[in-house]
PDB file of N, CA and C in Angstrom:
ATOM      1  N   MET A   1      47.868  47.421 231.802  1.00  0.00           N
ATOM      2  CA  MET A   1      48.411  47.969 230.530  1.00  0.00           C
ATOM      3  C   MET A   1      48.418  46.901 229.492  1.00  0.00           C
ATOM      4  N   ASN A   2      47.961  47.351 228.372  1.00  0.00           N
ATOM      5  CA  ASN A   2      47.949  46.353 227.197  1.00  0.00           C
ATOM      6  C   ASN A   2      49.162  46.650 226.368  1.00  0.00           C
ATOM      7  N   ILE A   3      49.366  45.784 225.391  1.00  0.00           N
ATOM      8  CA  ILE A   3      50.510  45.975 224.496  1.00  0.00           C
ATOM      9  C   ILE A   3      50.472  47.151 223.535  1.00  0.00           C
ATOM     10  N   LYS A   4      49.137  47.587 223.227  1.00  0.00           N
ATOM     11  CA  LYS A   4      49.036  48.794 222.344  1.00  0.00           C
ATOM     12  C   LYS A   4      49.560  50.007 223.050  1.00  0.00           C
ATOM     13  N   SER A   5      49.293  50.114 224.435  1.00  0.00           N
ATOM     14  CA  SER A   5      49.739  51.308 225.154  1.00  0.00           C
ATOM     15  C   SER A   5      51.186  51.300 225.317  1.00  0.00           C
ATOM     16  N   LEU A   6      51.944  50.252 225.106  1.00  0.00           N
ATOM     17  CA  LEU A   6      53.325  50.243 225.191  1.00  0.00           C
ATOM     18  C   LEU A   6      54.066  50.474 223.838  1.00  0.00           C
ATOM     19  N   ARG A   7      53.334  50.460 222.782  1.00  0.00           N
ATOM     20  CA  ARG A   7      53.872  50.425 221.399  1.00  0.00           C
ATOM     21  C   ARG A   7      54.657  51.779 221.217  1.00  0.00           C
ATOM     22  N   ILE A   8      54.159  52.919 221.445  1.00  0.00           N
ATOM     23  CA  ILE A   8      54.827  54.221 221.282  1.00  0.00           C
ATOM     24  C   ILE A   8      56.011  54.282 222.134  1.00  0.00           C
ATOM     25  N   PRO A   9      56.007  54.073 223.490  1.00  0.00           N
ATOM     26  CA  PRO A   9      57.188  54.195 224.250  1.00  0.00           C
ATOM     27  C   PRO A   9      58.277  53.234 223.857  1.00  0.00           C
ATOM     28  N   ILE A  10      58.005  52.041 223.409  1.00  0.00           N
ATOM     29  CA  ILE A  10      58.973  51.094 222.911  1.00  0.00           C
ATOM     30  C   ILE A  10      59.580  51.601 221.637  1.00  0.00           C
ATOM     31  N   LEU A  11      58.772  52.171 220.688  1.00  0.00           N
ATOM     32  CA  LEU A  11      59.392  52.679 219.515  1.00  0.00           C
ATOM     33  C   LEU A  11      60.214  53.881 219.699  1.00  0.00           C
ATOM     34  N   VAL A  12      59.808  54.746 220.702  1.00  0.00           N
ATOM     35  CA  VAL A  12      60.674  55.869 221.026  1.00  0.00           C
ATOM     36  C   VAL A  12      62.006  55.394 221.663  1.00  0.00           C
ATOM     37  N   TRP A  13      61.907  54.366 222.547  1.00  0.00           N
ATOM     38  CA  TRP A  13      63.160  53.835 223.206  1.00  0.00           C
ATOM     39  C   TRP A  13      64.043  53.262 222.080  1.00  0.00           C
ATOM     40  N   ILE A  14      63.512  52.648 221.155  1.00  0.00           N
ATOM     41  CA  ILE A  14      64.341  52.067 220.022  1.00  0.00           C
ATOM     42  C   ILE A  14      65.034  53.234 219.206  1.00  0.00           C
ATOM     43  N   LEU A  15      64.273  54.200 218.986  1.00  0.00           N
ATOM     44  CA  LEU A  15      64.799  55.401 218.273  1.00  0.00           C
ATOM     45  C   LEU A  15      65.940  56.069 219.090  1.00  0.00           C
ATOM     46  N   LEU A  16      65.724  56.092 220.451  1.00  0.00           N
ATOM     47  CA  LEU A  16      66.760  56.667 221.315  1.00  0.00           C
ATOM     48  C   LEU A  16      68.052  55.826 221.328  1.00  0.00           C
ATOM     49  N   MET A  17      67.872  54.522 221.197  1.00  0.00           N
ATOM     50  CA  MET A  17      69.057  53.645 221.100  1.00  0.00           C
ATOM     51  C   MET A  17      69.776  53.816 219.807  1.00  0.00           C
ATOM     52  N   ILE A  18      68.974  53.943 218.703  1.00  0.00           N
ATOM     53  CA  ILE A  18      69.649  54.095 217.418  1.00  0.00           C
ATOM     54  C   ILE A  18      70.433  55.479 217.416  1.00  0.00           C
ATOM     55  N   ALA A  19      69.716  56.438 217.987  1.00  0.00           N
ATOM     56  CA  ALA A  19      70.519  57.856 218.008  1.00  0.00           C
ATOM     57  C   ALA A  19      71.754  57.692 218.841  1.00  0.00           C
ATOM     58  N   THR A  20      71.695  56.953 219.968  1.00  0.00           N
ATOM     59  CA  THR A  20      72.923  56.743 220.867  1.00  0.00           C
ATOM     60  C   THR A  20      73.980  56.035 220.097  1.00  0.00           C
ATOM     61  N   ILE A  21      73.633  55.009 219.360  1.00  0.00           N
ATOM     62  CA  ILE A  21      74.613  54.238 218.552  1.00  0.00           C
ATOM     63  C   ILE A  21      75.170  55.197 217.499  1.00  0.00           C
ATOM     64  N   SER A  22      74.363  55.917 216.863  1.00  0.00           N
ATOM     65  CA  SER A  22      74.967  56.927 215.838  1.00  0.00           C
ATOM     66  C   SER A  22      75.894  57.830 216.469  1.00  0.00           C
ATOM     67  N   SER A  23      75.549  58.425 217.560  1.00  0.00           N
ATOM     68  CA  SER A  23      76.428  59.316 218.317  1.00  0.00           C
ATOM     69  C   SER A  23      77.798  58.653 218.585  1.00  0.00           C
ATOM     70  N   VAL A  24      77.789  57.453 219.107  1.00  0.00           N
ATOM     71  CA  VAL A  24      78.966  56.705 219.406  1.00  0.00           C
ATOM     72  C   VAL A  24      79.753  56.468 218.089  1.00  0.00           C
ATOM     73  N   SER A  25      79.103  56.057 217.087  1.00  0.00           N
ATOM     74  CA  SER A  25      79.837  55.784 215.801  1.00  0.00           C
ATOM     75  C   SER A  25      80.477  57.066 215.194  1.00  0.00           C
ATOM     76  N   ILE A  26      79.745  58.190 215.391  1.00  0.00           N
ATOM     77  CA  ILE A  26      80.291  59.462 214.834  1.00  0.00           C
ATOM     78  C   ILE A  26      81.483  59.819 215.674  1.00  0.00           C
ATOM     79  N   SER A  27      81.520  59.666 217.004  1.00  0.00           N
ATOM     80  CA  SER A  27      82.628  60.093 217.824  1.00  0.00           C
ATOM     81  C   SER A  27      83.716  59.057 217.945  1.00  0.00           C
ATOM     82  N   ASP A  28      83.845  58.235 217.079  1.00  0.00           N
ATOM     83  CA  ASP A  28      84.645  57.091 217.170  1.00  0.00           C
ATOM     84  C   ASP A  28      86.195  57.388 217.349  1.00  0.00           C
ATOM     85  N   GLY A  29      86.463  58.429 218.173  1.00  0.00           N
ATOM     86  CA  GLY A  29      87.864  58.642 218.535  1.00  0.00           C
ATOM     87  C   GLY A  29      88.639  59.520 217.479  1.00  0.00           C
ATOM     88  N   ASN A  30      87.943  60.141 216.490  1.00  0.00           N
ATOM     89  CA  ASN A  30      88.565  60.877 215.461  1.00  0.00           C
ATOM     90  C   ASN A  30      88.999  62.277 216.008  1.00  0.00           C
ATOM     91  N   THR A  31      90.229  62.746 215.691  1.00  0.00           N
ATOM     92  CA  THR A  31      90.693  64.005 216.229  1.00  0.00           C
ATOM     93  C   THR A  31      91.005  64.949 215.097  1.00  0.00           C
ATOM     94  N   THR A  32      90.575  64.677 213.876  1.00  0.00           N
ATOM     95  CA  THR A  32      90.870  65.530 212.736  1.00  0.00           C
ATOM     96  C   THR A  32      89.841  66.733 212.713  1.00  0.00           C
ATOM     97  N   THR A  33      89.988  67.597 211.787  1.00  0.00           N
ATOM     98  CA  THR A  33      89.079  68.709 211.748  1.00  0.00           C
ATOM     99  C   THR A  33      87.781  68.352 211.342  1.00  0.00           C
ATOM    100  N   SER A  34      87.628  67.176 210.618  1.00  0.00           N
ATOM    101  CA  SER A  34      86.280  66.722 210.257  1.00  0.00           C
ATOM    102  C   SER A  34      85.499  66.261 211.432  1.00  0.00           C
ATOM    103  N   SER A  35      86.206  65.959 212.510  1.00  0.00           N
ATOM    104  CA  SER A  35      85.536  65.579 213.739  1.00  0.00           C
ATOM    105  C   SER A  35      84.794  66.678 214.352  1.00  0.00           C
ATOM    106  N   HIS A  36      85.173  67.928 214.069  1.00  0.00           N
ATOM    107  CA  HIS A  36      84.329  69.109 214.555  1.00  0.00           C
ATOM    108  C   HIS A  36      82.999  69.009 214.013  1.00  0.00           C
ATOM    109  N   ILE A  37      82.831  68.734 212.751  1.00  0.00           N
ATOM    110  CA  ILE A  37      81.506  68.596 212.097  1.00  0.00           C
ATOM    111  C   ILE A  37      80.773  67.453 212.681  1.00  0.00           C
ATOM    112  N   GLY A  38      81.464  66.335 213.024  1.00  0.00           N
ATOM    113  CA  GLY A  38      80.810  65.231 213.698  1.00  0.00           C
ATOM    114  C   GLY A  38      80.349  65.580 215.091  1.00  0.00           C
ATOM    115  N   LEU A  39      81.138  66.327 215.768  1.00  0.00           N
ATOM    116  CA  LEU A  39      80.693  66.811 217.120  1.00  0.00           C
ATOM    117  C   LEU A  39      79.419  67.666 217.079  1.00  0.00           C
ATOM    118  N   LEU A  40      79.300  68.534 216.090  1.00  0.00           N
ATOM    119  CA  LEU A  40      78.154  69.335 215.844  1.00  0.00           C
ATOM    120  C   LEU A  40      76.939  68.410 215.583  1.00  0.00           C
ATOM    121  N   PHE A  41      77.096  67.348 214.802  1.00  0.00           N
ATOM    122  CA  PHE A  41      76.101  66.411 214.564  1.00  0.00           C
ATOM    123  C   PHE A  41      75.667  65.740 215.791  1.00  0.00           C
ATOM    124  N   ILE A  42      76.590  65.450 216.683  1.00  0.00           N
ATOM    125  CA  ILE A  42      76.360  64.754 217.989  1.00  0.00           C
ATOM    126  C   ILE A  42      75.563  65.759 218.876  1.00  0.00           C
ATOM    127  N   ILE A  43      75.844  67.022 218.824  1.00  0.00           N
ATOM    128  CA  ILE A  43      75.062  68.031 219.538  1.00  0.00           C
ATOM    129  C   ILE A  43      73.609  67.993 219.056  1.00  0.00           C
ATOM    130  N   PHE A  44      73.340  67.964 217.743  1.00  0.00           N
ATOM    131  CA  PHE A  44      71.996  67.960 217.248  1.00  0.00           C
ATOM    132  C   PHE A  44      71.329  66.745 217.526  1.00  0.00           C
ATOM    133  N   ILE A  45      72.007  65.564 217.488  1.00  0.00           N
ATOM    134  CA  ILE A  45      71.400  64.364 217.940  1.00  0.00           C
ATOM    135  C   ILE A  45      70.936  64.338 219.353  1.00  0.00           C
ATOM    136  N   THR A  46      71.798  65.008 220.192  1.00  0.00           N
ATOM    137  CA  THR A  46      71.399  65.227 221.602  1.00  0.00           C
ATOM    138  C   THR A  46      70.201  66.020 221.713  1.00  0.00           C
ATOM    139  N   PHE A  47      70.103  67.039 220.896  1.00  0.00           N
ATOM    140  CA  PHE A  47      68.898  67.877 220.916  1.00  0.00           C
ATOM    141  C   PHE A  47      67.647  67.037 220.606  1.00  0.00           C
ATOM    142  N   PHE A  48      67.747  66.151 219.546  1.00  0.00           N
ATOM    143  CA  PHE A  48      66.601  65.358 219.153  1.00  0.00           C
ATOM    144  C   PHE A  48      66.333  64.344 220.327  1.00  0.00           C
ATOM    145  N   LYS A  49      67.277  63.771 220.947  1.00  0.00           N
ATOM    146  CA  LYS A  49      67.067  62.855 221.981  1.00  0.00           C
ATOM    147  C   LYS A  49      66.427  63.436 223.237  1.00  0.00           C
ATOM    148  N   THR A  50      66.864  64.673 223.631  1.00  0.00           N
ATOM    149  CA  THR A  50      66.328  65.390 224.730  1.00  0.00           C
ATOM    150  C   THR A  50      64.927  65.704 224.487  1.00  0.00           C
ATOM    151  N   ARG A  51      64.588  66.113 223.278  1.00  0.00           N
ATOM    152  CA  ARG A  51      63.185  66.363 222.923  1.00  0.00           C
ATOM    153  C   ARG A  51      62.299  65.162 223.048  1.00  0.00           C
ATOM    154  N   LEU A  52      62.830  64.050 222.557  1.00  0.00           N
ATOM    155  CA  LEU A  52      62.026  62.828 222.583  1.00  0.00           C
ATOM    156  C   LEU A  52      61.768  62.388 224.161  1.00  0.00           C
ATOM    157  N   VAL A  53      62.796  62.551 224.957  1.00  0.00           N
ATOM    158  CA  VAL A  53      62.600  62.185 226.296  1.00  0.00           C
ATOM    159  C   VAL A  53      61.595  63.101 226.988  1.00  0.00           C
ATOM    160  N   LEU A  54      61.715  64.373 226.750  1.00  0.00           N
ATOM    161  CA  LEU A  54      60.750  65.358 227.387  1.00  0.00           C
ATOM    162  C   LEU A  54      59.316  65.064 226.871  1.00  0.00           C
ATOM    163  N   GLN A  55      59.157  64.847 225.602  1.00  0.00           N
ATOM    164  CA  GLN A  55      57.801  64.652 225.047  1.00  0.00           C
ATOM    165  C   GLN A  55      57.191  63.333 225.454  1.00  0.00           C
ATOM    166  N   TYR A  56      57.892  62.247 225.451  1.00  0.00           N
ATOM    167  CA  TYR A  56      57.247  60.980 225.687  1.00  0.00           C
ATOM    168  C   TYR A  56      57.444  60.403 227.046  1.00  0.00           C
ATOM    169  N   PHE A  57      58.513  60.638 227.747  1.00  0.00           N
ATOM    170  CA  PHE A  57      58.735  60.062 229.005  1.00  0.00           C
ATOM    171  C   PHE A  57      58.621  60.951 230.164  1.00  0.00           C
ATOM    172  N   MET A  58      58.631  62.236 229.896  1.00  0.00           N
ATOM    173  CA  MET A  58      58.256  63.225 230.950  1.00  0.00           C
ATOM    174  C   MET A  58      56.909  63.856 230.772  1.00  0.00           C
ATOM    175  N   GLU A  59      56.146  63.328 229.816  1.00  0.00           N
ATOM    176  CA  GLU A  59      54.752  63.592 229.526  1.00  0.00           C
ATOM    177  C   GLU A  59      54.518  65.043 229.178  1.00  0.00           C
ATOM    178  N   VAL A  60      55.406  65.764 228.553  1.00  0.00           N
ATOM    179  CA  VAL A  60      55.244  67.118 228.087  1.00  0.00           C
ATOM    180  C   VAL A  60      54.383  67.174 226.956  1.00  0.00           C
ATOM    181  N   LYS A  61      54.247  66.003 226.183  1.00  0.00           N
ATOM    182  CA  LYS A  61      53.397  65.963 224.993  1.00  0.00           C
ATOM    183  C   LYS A  61      51.957  66.267 225.272  1.00  0.00           C
ATOM    184  N   GLY A  62      51.451  65.886 226.449  1.00  0.00           N
ATOM    185  CA  GLY A  62      50.069  66.117 226.776  1.00  0.00           C
ATOM    186  C   GLY A  62      49.891  67.340 227.575  1.00  0.00           C
ATOM    187  N   ALA A  63      50.968  68.194 227.748  1.00  0.00           N
ATOM    188  CA  ALA A  63      50.898  69.314 228.658  1.00  0.00           C
ATOM    189  C   ALA A  63      50.305  70.573 227.879  1.00  0.00           C
ATOM    190  N   PRO A  64      50.042  71.678 228.540  1.00  0.00           N
ATOM    191  CA  PRO A  64      49.504  72.812 227.829  1.00  0.00           C
ATOM    192  C   PRO A  64      50.638  73.352 226.957  1.00  0.00           C
ATOM    193  N   ILE A  65      50.164  74.103 225.933  1.00  0.00           N
ATOM    194  CA  ILE A  65      50.968  74.595 224.857  1.00  0.00           C
ATOM    195  C   ILE A  65      52.140  75.468 225.435  1.00  0.00           C
ATOM    196  N   GLN A  66      51.863  76.261 226.508  1.00  0.00           N
ATOM    197  CA  GLN A  66      52.943  77.065 227.088  1.00  0.00           C
ATOM    198  C   GLN A  66      54.074  76.185 227.629  1.00  0.00           C
ATOM    199  N   LEU A  67      53.761  75.095 228.269  1.00  0.00           N
ATOM    200  CA  LEU A  67      54.885  74.254 228.697  1.00  0.00           C
ATOM    201  C   LEU A  67      55.595  73.599 227.563  1.00  0.00           C
ATOM    202  N   LYS A  68      54.915  73.207 226.519  1.00  0.00           N
ATOM    203  CA  LYS A  68      55.557  72.644 225.283  1.00  0.00           C
ATOM    204  C   LYS A  68      56.562  73.667 224.677  1.00  0.00           C
ATOM    205  N   LEU A  69      56.013  74.876 224.533  1.00  0.00           N
ATOM    206  CA  LEU A  69      56.907  75.954 223.918  1.00  0.00           C
ATOM    207  C   LEU A  69      57.984  76.215 224.798  1.00  0.00           C
ATOM    208  N   LEU A  70      57.845  76.309 226.136  1.00  0.00           N
ATOM    209  CA  LEU A  70      58.938  76.539 227.030  1.00  0.00           C
ATOM    210  C   LEU A  70      59.986  75.410 226.974  1.00  0.00           C
ATOM    211  N   ALA A  71      59.584  74.189 227.006  1.00  0.00           N
ATOM    212  CA  ALA A  71      60.520  73.103 226.915  1.00  0.00           C
ATOM    213  C   ALA A  71      61.215  73.078 225.608  1.00  0.00           C
ATOM    214  N   ASP A  72      60.519  73.268 224.488  1.00  0.00           N
ATOM    215  CA  ASP A  72      61.247  73.318 223.178  1.00  0.00           C
ATOM    216  C   ASP A  72      62.184  74.534 223.122  1.00  0.00           C
ATOM    217  N   GLY A  73      61.793  75.657 223.621  1.00  0.00           N
ATOM    218  CA  GLY A  73      62.666  76.792 223.645  1.00  0.00           C
ATOM    219  C   GLY A  73      63.883  76.564 224.447  1.00  0.00           C
ATOM    220  N   TRP A  74      63.707  75.927 225.636  1.00  0.00           N
ATOM    221  CA  TRP A  74      64.893  75.675 226.453  1.00  0.00           C
ATOM    222  C   TRP A  74      65.850  74.721 225.828  1.00  0.00           C
ATOM    223  N   ILE A  75      65.377  73.685 225.088  1.00  0.00           N
ATOM    224  CA  ILE A  75      66.219  72.799 224.361  1.00  0.00           C
ATOM    225  C   ILE A  75      66.902  73.520 223.249  1.00  0.00           C
ATOM    226  N   LEU A  76      66.106  74.233 222.512  1.00  0.00           N
ATOM    227  CA  LEU A  76      66.755  74.934 221.391  1.00  0.00           C
ATOM    228  C   LEU A  76      67.798  76.025 221.805  1.00  0.00           C
ATOM    229  N   ALA A  77      67.472  76.710 222.952  1.00  0.00           N
ATOM    230  CA  ALA A  77      68.491  77.756 223.372  1.00  0.00           C
ATOM    231  C   ALA A  77      69.731  77.046 223.735  1.00  0.00           C
ATOM    232  N   ASN A  78      69.646  75.942 224.537  1.00  0.00           N
ATOM    233  CA  ASN A  78      70.839  75.168 224.957  1.00  0.00           C
ATOM    234  C   ASN A  78      71.633  74.643 223.756  1.00  0.00           C
ATOM    235  N   THR A  79      70.943  74.097 222.831  1.00  0.00           N
ATOM    236  CA  THR A  79      71.568  73.546 221.602  1.00  0.00           C
ATOM    237  C   THR A  79      72.294  74.700 220.803  1.00  0.00           C
ATOM    238  N   VAL A  80      71.657  75.711 220.649  1.00  0.00           N
ATOM    239  CA  VAL A  80      72.204  76.881 219.804  1.00  0.00           C
ATOM    240  C   VAL A  80      73.446  77.408 220.544  1.00  0.00           C
ATOM    241  N   SER A  81      73.340  77.634 221.876  1.00  0.00           N
ATOM    242  CA  SER A  81      74.440  78.266 222.659  1.00  0.00           C
ATOM    243  C   SER A  81      75.603  77.250 222.706  1.00  0.00           C
ATOM    244  N   LEU A  82      75.274  75.993 222.920  1.00  0.00           N
ATOM    245  CA  LEU A  82      76.420  74.981 222.971  1.00  0.00           C
ATOM    246  C   LEU A  82      77.134  74.929 221.591  1.00  0.00           C
ATOM    247  N   SER A  83      76.327  74.929 220.511  1.00  0.00           N
ATOM    248  CA  SER A  83      76.920  74.865 219.196  1.00  0.00           C
ATOM    249  C   SER A  83      77.713  76.176 219.003  1.00  0.00           C
ATOM    250  N   TYR A  84      77.213  77.255 219.395  1.00  0.00           N
ATOM    251  CA  TYR A  84      77.923  78.516 219.070  1.00  0.00           C
ATOM    252  C   TYR A  84      79.271  78.491 219.790  1.00  0.00           C
ATOM    253  N   PHE A  85      79.274  78.140 221.070  1.00  0.00           N
ATOM    254  CA  PHE A  85      80.475  78.171 221.975  1.00  0.00           C
ATOM    255  C   PHE A  85      81.454  77.136 221.410  1.00  0.00           C
ATOM    256  N   PHE A  86      80.975  76.007 220.871  1.00  0.00           N
ATOM    257  CA  PHE A  86      81.860  74.994 220.367  1.00  0.00           C
ATOM    258  C   PHE A  86      82.568  75.548 219.057  1.00  0.00           C
ATOM    259  N   VAL A  87      81.802  76.167 218.162  1.00  0.00           N
ATOM    260  CA  VAL A  87      82.368  76.724 216.941  1.00  0.00           C
ATOM    261  C   VAL A  87      83.324  77.846 217.251  1.00  0.00           C
ATOM    262  N   VAL A  88      83.000  78.784 218.167  1.00  0.00           N
ATOM    263  CA  VAL A  88      83.848  79.949 218.531  1.00  0.00           C
ATOM    264  C   VAL A  88      85.051  79.490 219.176  1.00  0.00           C
ATOM    265  N   ALA A  89      85.032  78.477 220.041  1.00  0.00           N
ATOM    266  CA  ALA A  89      86.206  78.026 220.804  1.00  0.00           C
ATOM    267  C   ALA A  89      87.122  77.266 219.994  1.00  0.00           C
TER     268      ALA A  89
END
């Protein structure tokens, strides 16, 4: 493995770390009503992180289009349903 082949995974990993730090800073123990909006942002950050992991580290990016659509649909369905149940509850 040369350094060029590691460039994308390292950049994706750094992006995942930034997203994790963002999630932690948003959830900084706030219990006000504005924290509900923050929790929705955390759900969408999790959607983004899950997609990155599936695409780059589980190699769905090079898979047939059907698997890509199935994976994206699964992530989207879970994100929408989790957000819906969070807002309703």
